[in-house]
Amino acid sequence: MNQEVLTSRAAKSSVQIGLYAASFLANFMKRYLLAAQNKEQF
C-alpha cells in the first residue's frame, strides 16, 4: 500500500471518530439540559 491510501483511510477514520464523539457530546448535553429543566420545574 502507498502512503496516500493510508493517509486517506486515517483521515476518514478520524473524521468518523470525530462525528461519533460530537454526536455523543450532543446527546449528553441534551440529557443534561433536560435534567436541569426538570429540576427547575419541580
C-alpha atoms as a PDB file:
ATOM      1  CA  MET A   1       0.000   0.000   0.000  1.00  0.00           C
ATOM      2  CA  ASN A   2       1.204   3.500  -0.727  1.00  0.00           C
ATOM      3  CA  GLN A   3       1.254   6.377   1.723  1.00  0.00           C
ATOM      4  CA  GLU A   4      -1.662   8.248   0.107  1.00  0.00           C
ATOM      5  CA  VAL A   5      -4.085   5.376   0.656  1.00  0.00           C
ATOM      6  CA  LEU A   6      -3.021   5.032   4.292  1.00  0.00           C
ATOM      7  CA  THR A   7      -3.363   8.753   4.981  1.00  0.00           C
ATOM      8  CA  SER A   8      -6.768   8.933   3.300  1.00  0.00           C
ATOM      9  CA  ARG A   9      -8.002   5.967   5.331  1.00  0.00           C
ATOM     10  CA  ALA A  10      -6.651   7.504   8.529  1.00  0.00           C
ATOM     11  CA  ALA A  11      -8.364  10.795   7.694  1.00  0.00           C
ATOM     12  CA  LYS A  12     -11.680   9.053   7.050  1.00  0.00           C
ATOM     13  CA  SER A  13     -11.468   7.092  10.294  1.00  0.00           C
ATOM     14  CA  SER A  14     -10.527  10.204  12.273  1.00  0.00           C
ATOM     15  CA  VAL A  15     -13.488  12.071  10.763  1.00  0.00           C
ATOM     16  CA  GLN A  16     -15.815   9.207  11.707  1.00  0.00           C
ATOM     17  CA  ILE A  17     -14.430   9.215  15.254  1.00  0.00           C
ATOM     18  CA  GLY A  18     -14.921  12.983  15.436  1.00  0.00           C
ATOM     19  CA  LEU A  19     -18.520  12.728  14.251  1.00  0.00           C
ATOM     20  CA  TYR A  20     -19.197   9.939  16.760  1.00  0.00           C
ATOM     21  CA  ALA A  21     -17.726  11.990  19.598  1.00  0.00           C
ATOM     22  CA  ALA A  22     -19.675  15.079  18.525  1.00  0.00           C
ATOM     23  CA  SER A  23     -22.981  13.201  18.449  1.00  0.00           C
ATOM     24  CA  PHE A  24     -22.190  11.633  21.824  1.00  0.00           C
ATOM     25  CA  LEU A  25     -21.480  15.047  23.350  1.00  0.00           C
ATOM     26  CA  ALA A  26     -24.627  16.491  21.770  1.00  0.00           C
ATOM     27  CA  ASN A  27     -26.778  13.721  23.265  1.00  0.00           C
ATOM     28  CA  PHE A  28     -25.075  14.170  26.635  1.00  0.00           C
ATOM     29  CA  MET A  29     -25.740  17.930  26.612  1.00  0.00           C
ATOM     30  CA  LYS A  30     -29.376  17.355  25.630  1.00  0.00           C
ATOM     31  CA  ARG A  31     -29.858  14.964  28.557  1.00  0.00           C
ATOM     32  CA  TYR A  32     -28.090  17.375  30.914  1.00  0.00           C
ATOM     33  CA  LEU A  33     -30.221  20.343  29.810  1.00  0.00           C
ATOM     34  CA  LEU A  34     -33.427  18.316  30.057  1.00  0.00           C
ATOM     35  CA  ALA A  35     -32.492  17.176  33.559  1.00  0.00           C
ATOM     36  CA  ALA A  36     -31.734  20.770  34.585  1.00  0.00           C
ATOM     37  CA  GLN A  37     -35.076  21.949  33.222  1.00  0.00           C
ATOM     38  CA  ASN A  38     -36.908  19.180  35.075  1.00  0.00           C
ATOM     39  CA  LYS A  39     -35.143  20.137  38.316  1.00  0.00           C
ATOM     40  CA  GLU A  40     -36.207  23.767  37.865  1.00  0.00           C
ATOM     41  CA  GLN A  41     -39.824  22.781  37.290  1.00  0.00           C
ATOM     42  CA  PHE A  42     -40.099  20.687  40.442  1.00  0.00           C
END
